[in-house]
Amino acid sequence: MAGINRRLLQAHLRKALREDVPNSCVFVSHASYYNNTAEAIGEYLQKTVGVDVYLALNDKKLAFAVEVNDHARIVEHIESGIRNSTHVLGLIGERTRESWWVPFELGAARQRNKTIGSM
């Protein structure tokens, strides 16, 4: 996957991250194929935009649940990450359709009335 257009990302985030939401945290939903892109976006959000991020690839307990194929625990960790985030950013690409979890994450975010953006 090519690099991200940081200008577009920044404009998109300005719309989504309202100043009246203190301690913003963006849950970055993505298929594992896009781990590198998600990590780059997460770093950008933290260093340039100044918001916290939740990246599943940094969650060791979630990684263990995935390793042992414990779907109940996977769901618990995803829901906790979404519940503790103010916004959700879905990275959508050609390989996203291979993921069961991205649609689940976006649906869980919608159910909790989180601001959702995609790119």
N, C-alpha and C. Protein backbone atom coordinates (compact mmCIF):
# COMPACT_ATOMS: atom_id res chain seq x y z
N MET A 1 0.85 -1.17 0.00
CA MET A 1 0.00 0.00 0.00
C MET A 1 0.89 1.23 0.00
N ALA A 2 0.52 2.23 -0.77
CA ALA A 2 1.28 3.46 -0.86
C ALA A 2 1.19 4.23 0.44
N GLY A 3 2.04 5.23 0.58
CA GLY A 3 2.02 6.08 1.77
C GLY A 3 0.72 6.84 1.90
N ILE A 4 0.54 7.44 3.04
CA ILE A 4 -0.70 8.17 3.30
C ILE A 4 -0.55 9.63 2.86
N ASN A 5 -1.64 10.23 2.45
CA ASN A 5 -1.67 11.65 2.14
C ASN A 5 -1.97 12.39 3.43
N ARG A 6 -0.94 12.83 4.09
CA ARG A 6 -1.10 13.42 5.41
C ARG A 6 -1.92 14.70 5.38
N ARG A 7 -1.89 15.41 4.30
CA ARG A 7 -2.69 16.64 4.19
C ARG A 7 -4.18 16.30 4.26
N LEU A 8 -4.58 15.28 3.49
CA LEU A 8 -5.99 14.86 3.51
C LEU A 8 -6.36 14.30 4.88
N LEU A 9 -5.46 13.54 5.46
CA LEU A 9 -5.73 12.98 6.78
C LEU A 9 -5.93 14.10 7.79
N GLN A 10 -5.06 15.09 7.76
CA GLN A 10 -5.17 16.19 8.71
C GLN A 10 -6.49 16.94 8.54
N ALA A 11 -6.89 17.22 7.30
CA ALA A 11 -8.16 17.91 7.07
C ALA A 11 -9.33 17.06 7.55
N HIS A 12 -9.27 15.77 7.28
CA HIS A 12 -10.33 14.85 7.71
C HIS A 12 -10.43 14.84 9.23
N LEU A 13 -9.29 14.81 9.89
CA LEU A 13 -9.29 14.75 11.35
C LEU A 13 -9.76 16.05 11.98
N ARG A 14 -9.46 17.16 11.36
CA ARG A 14 -9.95 18.43 11.91
C ARG A 14 -11.47 18.43 11.97
N LYS A 15 -12.11 17.83 10.97
CA LYS A 15 -13.57 17.74 10.99
C LYS A 15 -14.04 16.81 12.11
N ALA A 16 -13.36 15.68 12.25
CA ALA A 16 -13.80 14.66 13.19
C ALA A 16 -13.44 14.97 14.64
N LEU A 17 -12.26 15.51 14.86
CA LEU A 17 -11.80 15.75 16.23
C LEU A 17 -12.18 17.15 16.66
N ARG A 18 -13.33 17.25 17.27
CA ARG A 18 -13.82 18.55 17.69
C ARG A 18 -13.07 19.01 18.92
N GLU A 19 -12.89 20.31 19.04
CA GLU A 19 -12.17 20.87 20.18
C GLU A 19 -12.90 20.63 21.49
N ASP A 20 -14.21 20.38 21.43
CA ASP A 20 -14.98 20.18 22.65
C ASP A 20 -14.86 18.75 23.18
N VAL A 21 -14.04 17.92 22.54
CA VAL A 21 -13.84 16.55 23.01
C VAL A 21 -12.44 16.47 23.62
N PRO A 22 -12.35 16.61 24.96
CA PRO A 22 -11.03 16.54 25.59
C PRO A 22 -10.49 15.12 25.55
N ASN A 23 -9.19 15.02 25.56
CA ASN A 23 -8.52 13.72 25.60
C ASN A 23 -8.99 12.79 24.48
N SER A 24 -8.98 13.30 23.28
CA SER A 24 -9.40 12.49 22.14
C SER A 24 -8.51 11.26 21.97
N CYS A 25 -9.13 10.16 21.60
CA CYS A 25 -8.41 8.93 21.31
C CYS A 25 -9.04 8.30 20.08
N VAL A 26 -8.23 7.99 19.09
CA VAL A 26 -8.71 7.43 17.83
C VAL A 26 -8.40 5.94 17.79
N PHE A 27 -9.43 5.13 17.66
CA PHE A 27 -9.31 3.69 17.47
C PHE A 27 -9.07 3.48 15.98
N VAL A 28 -7.94 2.90 15.61
CA VAL A 28 -7.61 2.69 14.21
C VAL A 28 -7.99 1.26 13.83
N SER A 29 -9.09 1.12 13.07
CA SER A 29 -9.60 -0.17 12.64
C SER A 29 -8.97 -0.50 11.28
N HIS A 30 -8.40 -1.70 11.20
CA HIS A 30 -7.74 -2.07 9.94
C HIS A 30 -7.56 -3.58 9.86
N ALA A 31 -7.46 -4.08 8.66
CA ALA A 31 -7.11 -5.49 8.44
C ALA A 31 -5.62 -5.64 8.71
N SER A 32 -5.21 -6.79 9.20
CA SER A 32 -3.81 -6.99 9.56
C SER A 32 -2.85 -6.76 8.38
N TYR A 33 -3.35 -6.93 7.18
CA TYR A 33 -2.53 -6.67 5.99
C TYR A 33 -2.01 -5.22 6.00
N TYR A 34 -2.77 -4.32 6.62
CA TYR A 34 -2.42 -2.90 6.63
C TYR A 34 -1.76 -2.46 7.94
N ASN A 35 -1.15 -3.39 8.66
CA ASN A 35 -0.51 -3.05 9.94
C ASN A 35 0.49 -1.90 9.81
N ASN A 36 1.34 -1.94 8.80
CA ASN A 36 2.35 -0.88 8.65
C ASN A 36 1.72 0.48 8.42
N THR A 37 0.68 0.52 7.61
CA THR A 37 -0.02 1.77 7.35
C THR A 37 -0.70 2.27 8.63
N ALA A 38 -1.35 1.36 9.34
CA ALA A 38 -2.02 1.73 10.59
C ALA A 38 -1.03 2.28 11.59
N GLU A 39 0.13 1.65 11.67
CA GLU A 39 1.17 2.11 12.60
C GLU A 39 1.66 3.50 12.21
N ALA A 40 1.86 3.74 10.92
CA ALA A 40 2.30 5.06 10.45
C ALA A 40 1.25 6.13 10.75
N ILE A 41 -0.01 5.80 10.53
CA ILE A 41 -1.09 6.74 10.82
C ILE A 41 -1.17 6.99 12.33
N GLY A 42 -1.05 5.94 13.11
CA GLY A 42 -1.06 6.10 14.56
C GLY A 42 0.05 7.01 15.06
N GLU A 43 1.23 6.82 14.52
CA GLU A 43 2.37 7.67 14.89
C GLU A 43 2.10 9.12 14.50
N TYR A 44 1.58 9.31 13.31
CA TYR A 44 1.24 10.65 12.84
C TYR A 44 0.20 11.32 13.75
N LEU A 45 -0.84 10.57 14.10
CA LEU A 45 -1.88 11.12 14.96
C LEU A 45 -1.33 11.55 16.31
N GLN A 46 -0.43 10.75 16.84
CA GLN A 46 0.14 11.07 18.14
C GLN A 46 1.10 12.25 18.06
N LYS A 47 2.03 12.20 17.11
CA LYS A 47 3.10 13.20 17.06
C LYS A 47 2.70 14.52 16.41
N THR A 48 1.87 14.46 15.38
CA THR A 48 1.54 15.68 14.64
C THR A 48 0.20 16.26 15.05
N VAL A 49 -0.81 15.42 15.19
CA VAL A 49 -2.14 15.91 15.55
C VAL A 49 -2.27 16.06 17.06
N GLY A 50 -1.54 15.24 17.82
CA GLY A 50 -1.54 15.35 19.26
C GLY A 50 -2.69 14.63 19.96
N VAL A 51 -3.14 13.52 19.37
CA VAL A 51 -4.20 12.74 20.00
C VAL A 51 -3.68 11.34 20.31
N ASP A 52 -4.32 10.70 21.26
CA ASP A 52 -3.99 9.32 21.59
C ASP A 52 -4.60 8.39 20.54
N VAL A 53 -4.03 7.21 20.44
CA VAL A 53 -4.57 6.22 19.51
C VAL A 53 -4.67 4.87 20.21
N TYR A 54 -5.58 4.05 19.71
CA TYR A 54 -5.65 2.65 20.09
C TYR A 54 -5.37 1.85 18.83
N LEU A 55 -4.26 1.14 18.84
CA LEU A 55 -3.91 0.25 17.74
C LEU A 55 -3.90 -1.18 18.27
N ALA A 56 -4.71 -2.02 17.70
CA ALA A 56 -4.80 -3.41 18.15
C ALA A 56 -3.45 -4.10 18.12
N LEU A 57 -2.60 -3.72 17.17
CA LEU A 57 -1.31 -4.40 17.06
C LEU A 57 -0.40 -4.10 18.23
N ASN A 58 -0.75 -3.11 19.07
CA ASN A 58 0.03 -2.81 20.28
C ASN A 58 -0.57 -3.44 21.53
N ASP A 59 -1.67 -4.16 21.39
CA ASP A 59 -2.37 -4.75 22.53
C ASP A 59 -1.92 -6.20 22.69
N LYS A 60 -1.02 -6.44 23.65
CA LYS A 60 -0.45 -7.78 23.85
C LYS A 60 -1.50 -8.81 24.27
N LYS A 61 -2.46 -8.38 25.10
CA LYS A 61 -3.50 -9.32 25.53
C LYS A 61 -4.39 -9.71 24.36
N LEU A 62 -4.67 -8.75 23.49
CA LEU A 62 -5.45 -9.06 22.29
C LEU A 62 -4.66 -10.00 21.38
N ALA A 63 -3.37 -9.76 21.23
CA ALA A 63 -2.54 -10.62 20.39
C ALA A 63 -2.56 -12.05 20.90
N PHE A 64 -2.54 -12.22 22.22
CA PHE A 64 -2.59 -13.57 22.78
C PHE A 64 -3.95 -14.21 22.49
N ALA A 65 -5.03 -13.44 22.64
CA ALA A 65 -6.37 -13.97 22.36
C ALA A 65 -6.47 -14.41 20.90
N VAL A 66 -5.87 -13.65 20.01
CA VAL A 66 -5.87 -14.02 18.58
C VAL A 66 -5.05 -15.29 18.39
N GLU A 67 -3.90 -15.36 19.04
CA GLU A 67 -3.02 -16.53 18.91
C GLU A 67 -3.71 -17.82 19.33
N VAL A 68 -4.50 -17.77 20.40
CA VAL A 68 -5.18 -18.98 20.90
C VAL A 68 -6.60 -19.10 20.35
N ASN A 69 -6.95 -18.19 19.44
CA ASN A 69 -8.25 -18.23 18.77
C ASN A 69 -9.43 -18.12 19.74
N ASP A 70 -9.28 -17.23 20.72
CA ASP A 70 -10.31 -17.01 21.74
C ASP A 70 -11.19 -15.83 21.31
N HIS A 71 -12.23 -16.13 20.54
CA HIS A 71 -13.07 -15.07 19.97
C HIS A 71 -13.76 -14.22 21.03
N ALA A 72 -14.17 -14.82 22.12
CA ALA A 72 -14.82 -14.04 23.19
C ALA A 72 -13.86 -12.98 23.74
N ARG A 73 -12.61 -13.38 23.97
CA ARG A 73 -11.61 -12.42 24.47
C ARG A 73 -11.28 -11.36 23.42
N ILE A 74 -11.22 -11.76 22.16
CA ILE A 74 -10.95 -10.80 21.09
C ILE A 74 -12.03 -9.73 21.11
N VAL A 75 -13.29 -10.16 21.17
CA VAL A 75 -14.40 -9.22 21.20
C VAL A 75 -14.30 -8.30 22.42
N GLU A 76 -13.97 -8.86 23.59
CA GLU A 76 -13.83 -8.04 24.80
C GLU A 76 -12.79 -6.94 24.61
N HIS A 77 -11.64 -7.29 24.04
CA HIS A 77 -10.57 -6.30 23.86
C HIS A 77 -10.95 -5.24 22.83
N ILE A 78 -11.57 -5.67 21.75
CA ILE A 78 -12.00 -4.71 20.73
C ILE A 78 -13.04 -3.76 21.31
N GLU A 79 -14.03 -4.30 22.00
CA GLU A 79 -15.07 -3.45 22.57
C GLU A 79 -14.50 -2.50 23.62
N SER A 80 -13.55 -2.96 24.41
CA SER A 80 -12.91 -2.09 25.39
C SER A 80 -12.16 -0.95 24.69
N GLY A 81 -11.44 -1.28 23.64
CA GLY A 81 -10.71 -0.24 22.90
C GLY A 81 -11.65 0.79 22.31
N ILE A 82 -12.76 0.34 21.75
CA ILE A 82 -13.73 1.26 21.16
C ILE A 82 -14.43 2.08 22.24
N ARG A 83 -14.80 1.42 23.32
CA ARG A 83 -15.48 2.11 24.43
C ARG A 83 -14.60 3.23 24.99
N ASN A 84 -13.29 3.01 25.03
CA ASN A 84 -12.36 3.99 25.60
C ASN A 84 -11.80 4.96 24.58
N SER A 85 -12.32 4.92 23.37
CA SER A 85 -11.90 5.85 22.32
C SER A 85 -13.03 6.84 22.05
N THR A 86 -12.66 7.99 21.54
CA THR A 86 -13.67 9.00 21.19
C THR A 86 -14.04 8.94 19.71
N HIS A 87 -13.15 8.41 18.88
CA HIS A 87 -13.34 8.36 17.44
C HIS A 87 -12.82 7.04 16.91
N VAL A 88 -13.31 6.65 15.74
CA VAL A 88 -12.82 5.45 15.07
C VAL A 88 -12.46 5.83 13.65
N LEU A 89 -11.27 5.41 13.23
CA LEU A 89 -10.82 5.63 11.86
C LEU A 89 -10.66 4.26 11.21
N GLY A 90 -11.48 4.00 10.20
CA GLY A 90 -11.41 2.72 9.48
C GLY A 90 -10.53 2.85 8.26
N LEU A 91 -9.50 2.02 8.19
CA LEU A 91 -8.65 1.98 7.01
C LEU A 91 -9.24 0.94 6.07
N ILE A 92 -9.75 1.41 4.96
CA ILE A 92 -10.45 0.54 4.03
C ILE A 92 -9.62 0.40 2.75
N GLY A 93 -9.33 -0.83 2.40
CA GLY A 93 -8.56 -1.11 1.19
C GLY A 93 -9.06 -2.39 0.55
N GLU A 94 -8.42 -2.76 -0.52
CA GLU A 94 -8.81 -3.97 -1.26
C GLU A 94 -8.82 -5.21 -0.36
N ARG A 95 -7.88 -5.30 0.57
CA ARG A 95 -7.76 -6.49 1.42
C ARG A 95 -8.68 -6.46 2.64
N THR A 96 -9.40 -5.35 2.85
CA THR A 96 -10.28 -5.24 4.01
C THR A 96 -11.38 -6.28 3.97
N ARG A 97 -11.84 -6.63 2.80
CA ARG A 97 -12.95 -7.59 2.70
C ARG A 97 -12.57 -8.97 3.23
N GLU A 98 -11.27 -9.22 3.43
CA GLU A 98 -10.81 -10.48 3.99
C GLU A 98 -10.92 -10.50 5.52
N SER A 99 -11.19 -9.36 6.11
CA SER A 99 -11.22 -9.25 7.57
C SER A 99 -12.63 -9.38 8.11
N TRP A 100 -12.78 -10.21 9.13
CA TRP A 100 -14.05 -10.31 9.84
C TRP A 100 -14.16 -9.18 10.86
N TRP A 101 -13.02 -8.70 11.31
CA TRP A 101 -13.01 -7.80 12.46
C TRP A 101 -13.28 -6.35 12.11
N VAL A 102 -12.86 -5.87 10.96
CA VAL A 102 -13.10 -4.46 10.61
C VAL A 102 -14.60 -4.15 10.58
N PRO A 103 -15.43 -4.94 9.91
CA PRO A 103 -16.87 -4.65 9.95
C PRO A 103 -17.43 -4.71 11.37
N PHE A 104 -16.94 -5.66 12.17
CA PHE A 104 -17.38 -5.75 13.56
C PHE A 104 -17.01 -4.47 14.32
N GLU A 105 -15.78 -4.01 14.16
CA GLU A 105 -15.31 -2.81 14.86
C GLU A 105 -16.12 -1.58 14.46
N LEU A 106 -16.35 -1.43 13.17
CA LEU A 106 -17.13 -0.28 12.71
C LEU A 106 -18.57 -0.35 13.20
N GLY A 107 -19.14 -1.55 13.21
CA GLY A 107 -20.49 -1.73 13.73
C GLY A 107 -20.56 -1.44 15.22
N ALA A 108 -19.56 -1.91 15.98
CA ALA A 108 -19.52 -1.64 17.42
C ALA A 108 -19.37 -0.15 17.69
N ALA A 109 -18.59 0.53 16.87
CA ALA A 109 -18.42 1.97 17.03
C ALA A 109 -19.72 2.71 16.72
N ARG A 110 -20.39 2.29 15.67
CA ARG A 110 -21.67 2.92 15.31
C ARG A 110 -22.69 2.72 16.43
N GLN A 111 -22.72 1.53 16.98
CA GLN A 111 -23.66 1.21 18.06
C GLN A 111 -23.42 2.10 19.29
N ARG A 112 -22.19 2.53 19.48
CA ARG A 112 -21.84 3.38 20.62
C ARG A 112 -21.82 4.87 20.25
N ASN A 113 -22.32 5.19 19.06
CA ASN A 113 -22.40 6.57 18.58
C ASN A 113 -21.04 7.27 18.55
N LYS A 114 -19.99 6.53 18.19
CA LYS A 114 -18.67 7.13 18.03
C LYS A 114 -18.59 7.82 16.68
N THR A 115 -17.82 8.87 16.60
CA THR A 115 -17.57 9.52 15.33
C THR A 115 -16.68 8.59 14.51
N ILE A 116 -17.13 8.25 13.30
CA ILE A 116 -16.40 7.29 12.46
C ILE A 116 -15.96 7.99 11.18
N GLY A 117 -14.70 7.79 10.84
CA GLY A 117 -14.17 8.28 9.59
C GLY A 117 -13.51 7.11 8.87
N SER A 118 -13.32 7.23 7.58
CA SER A 118 -12.64 6.16 6.85
C SER A 118 -11.74 6.77 5.81
N MET A 119 -10.75 5.97 5.45
CA MET A 119 -9.84 6.36 4.38
C MET A 119 -9.30 5.14 3.72
